[in-house]
Amino acid sequence: MQRYALRDDQWDKINNFLPGREGHVGGTAADNRLFVDAIIYRTRTGIPWRDLPERYGDWKATHKRLRRWCESGVFARILAALALEADTEFMSIDSTSVRAHQHSTGAQKKKARTKLSAVRAVG
């Protein structure tokens, strides 16, 4: 397994949501897994598109395909499906990670001071 590639179990979870798969309406994509791995590689390394390694194919075609998938909502569908299966067993929130603003804790609010000159001018 490569460092920036999906594991087989991860790929199995998202494979059915991707366009261009076998039996899907429309054209069959060359290699969806290689494309997804290219997106993960670029995202994790932070490289410019032009520096995408050749093993992932042409960087311009990969970028164009990413834009089409973003505009058609492919990644939104994947994230929505993965959110339904989220494992929250070890998730916890405590006061070390969340802070309340001082006004929400019942602290005394400071009253606005009125300038003495403003009171004399009115009276």
Protein backbone atom coordinates (compact mmCIF):
# COMPACT_ATOMS: atom_id res chain seq x y z
CA MET A 1 0.00 0.00 0.00
CA GLN A 2 1.24 3.45 -0.84
CA ARG A 3 1.40 6.12 1.80
CA TYR A 4 -1.20 8.40 0.20
CA ALA A 5 -3.54 5.74 -1.18
CA LEU A 6 -6.87 4.41 0.03
CA ARG A 7 -7.00 1.03 1.72
CA ASP A 8 -9.26 -1.61 0.16
CA ASP A 9 -11.90 -1.27 2.88
CA GLN A 10 -12.00 2.51 2.40
CA TRP A 11 -12.30 2.11 -1.37
CA ASP A 12 -15.17 -0.37 -0.99
CA LYS A 13 -17.16 2.21 1.00
CA ILE A 14 -17.02 4.92 -1.69
CA ASN A 15 -16.75 2.91 -4.90
CA ASN A 16 -20.50 2.70 -5.53
CA PHE A 17 -20.97 6.48 -5.29
CA LEU A 18 -18.53 7.36 -8.07
CA PRO A 19 -19.57 8.06 -11.65
CA GLY A 20 -17.97 6.12 -14.49
CA ARG A 21 -18.06 2.76 -12.72
CA GLU A 22 -18.91 -0.45 -14.57
CA GLY A 23 -22.65 -0.67 -15.26
CA HIS A 24 -23.21 3.04 -14.51
CA VAL A 25 -25.08 5.19 -17.02
CA GLY A 26 -22.64 7.13 -19.19
CA GLY A 27 -19.04 6.44 -20.04
CA THR A 28 -16.79 4.16 -18.06
CA ALA A 29 -13.92 5.97 -16.37
CA ALA A 30 -10.34 4.88 -16.95
CA ASP A 31 -9.51 4.31 -13.29
CA ASN A 32 -11.54 5.93 -10.53
CA ARG A 33 -9.32 4.57 -7.78
CA LEU A 34 -6.17 6.08 -9.28
CA PHE A 35 -8.00 9.40 -9.67
CA VAL A 36 -9.16 9.41 -6.03
CA ASP A 37 -5.65 8.50 -4.91
CA ALA A 38 -4.30 11.44 -6.94
CA ILE A 39 -6.70 13.83 -5.19
CA ILE A 40 -5.72 12.45 -1.79
CA TYR A 41 -2.02 12.71 -2.64
CA ARG A 42 -2.32 16.33 -3.74
CA THR A 43 -4.44 17.28 -0.74
CA ARG A 44 -2.15 15.66 1.83
CA THR A 45 1.10 16.91 0.35
CA GLY A 46 -0.11 20.40 -0.60
CA ILE A 47 1.72 20.36 -3.94
CA PRO A 48 0.64 22.51 -6.91
CA TRP A 49 -1.34 20.71 -9.61
CA ARG A 50 1.59 20.85 -12.04
CA ASP A 51 3.74 18.85 -9.60
CA LEU A 52 1.35 15.88 -9.47
CA PRO A 53 3.48 12.73 -10.09
CA GLU A 54 3.16 11.17 -13.55
CA ARG A 55 1.90 7.87 -12.10
CA TYR A 56 -1.45 9.62 -11.54
CA GLY A 57 -1.74 10.72 -15.17
CA ASP A 58 -1.99 14.17 -16.70
CA TRP A 59 -2.42 16.82 -14.00
CA LYS A 60 -4.66 18.96 -16.20
CA ALA A 61 -7.07 16.10 -16.92
CA THR A 62 -7.12 15.19 -13.23
CA HIS A 63 -7.93 18.78 -12.25
CA LYS A 64 -10.67 19.04 -14.88
CA ARG A 65 -12.23 15.79 -13.67
CA LEU A 66 -12.11 17.02 -10.06
CA ARG A 67 -13.92 20.23 -11.03
CA ARG A 68 -16.63 18.26 -12.86
CA TRP A 69 -17.14 15.96 -9.88
CA CYS A 70 -17.32 18.91 -7.47
CA GLU A 71 -19.87 20.73 -9.62
CA SER A 72 -22.03 17.62 -10.02
CA GLY A 73 -22.04 16.91 -6.26
CA VAL A 74 -20.15 13.61 -6.26
CA PHE A 75 -18.08 14.47 -3.18
CA ALA A 76 -21.12 15.81 -1.33
CA ARG A 77 -22.87 12.46 -1.85
CA ILE A 78 -19.80 10.57 -0.65
CA LEU A 79 -19.48 12.70 2.49
CA ALA A 80 -23.20 12.37 3.24
CA ALA A 81 -22.99 8.59 2.95
CA LEU A 82 -19.87 8.39 5.11
CA ALA A 83 -21.44 10.65 7.73
CA LEU A 84 -24.24 8.13 8.21
CA GLU A 85 -21.68 5.48 9.12
CA ALA A 86 -19.56 7.69 11.37
CA ASP A 87 -18.02 5.92 14.33
CA THR A 88 -18.48 8.29 17.26
CA GLU A 89 -17.61 5.78 19.97
CA PHE A 90 -14.41 7.55 20.97
CA MET A 91 -15.56 11.11 20.35
CA SER A 92 -15.78 13.35 23.38
CA ILE A 93 -16.01 17.05 24.00
CA ASP A 94 -14.86 18.60 27.23
CA SER A 95 -13.80 21.96 28.57
CA THR A 96 -10.26 21.58 27.24
CA SER A 97 -11.50 21.73 23.65
CA VAL A 98 -14.59 23.95 23.96
CA ARG A 99 -14.68 27.27 25.74
CA ALA A 100 -17.78 29.29 26.54
CA HIS A 101 -17.77 33.04 26.25
CA GLN A 102 -17.75 34.84 29.59
CA HIS A 103 -21.26 36.22 29.06
CA SER A 104 -22.69 32.73 28.68
CA THR A 105 -21.37 31.70 32.11
CA GLY A 106 -23.43 34.24 34.05
CA ALA A 107 -20.64 36.74 34.64
CA GLN A 108 -21.64 40.25 35.61
CA LYS A 109 -21.92 42.60 32.69
CA LYS A 110 -20.31 46.00 32.94
CA LYS A 111 -22.76 48.87 32.88
CA ALA A 112 -22.14 51.71 30.48
CA ARG A 113 -20.72 54.78 32.14
CA THR A 114 -22.44 58.06 31.47
CA LYS A 115 -20.18 61.03 31.17
CA LEU A 116 -20.95 63.74 33.69
CA SER A 117 -20.87 66.40 30.97
CA ALA A 118 -23.64 64.59 29.05
CA VAL A 119 -25.89 64.54 32.15
CA ARG A 120 -25.40 68.31 32.74
CA ALA A 121 -26.20 69.16 29.13
CA VAL A 122 -29.56 67.35 29.28
CA GLY A 123 -30.58 68.67 32.69
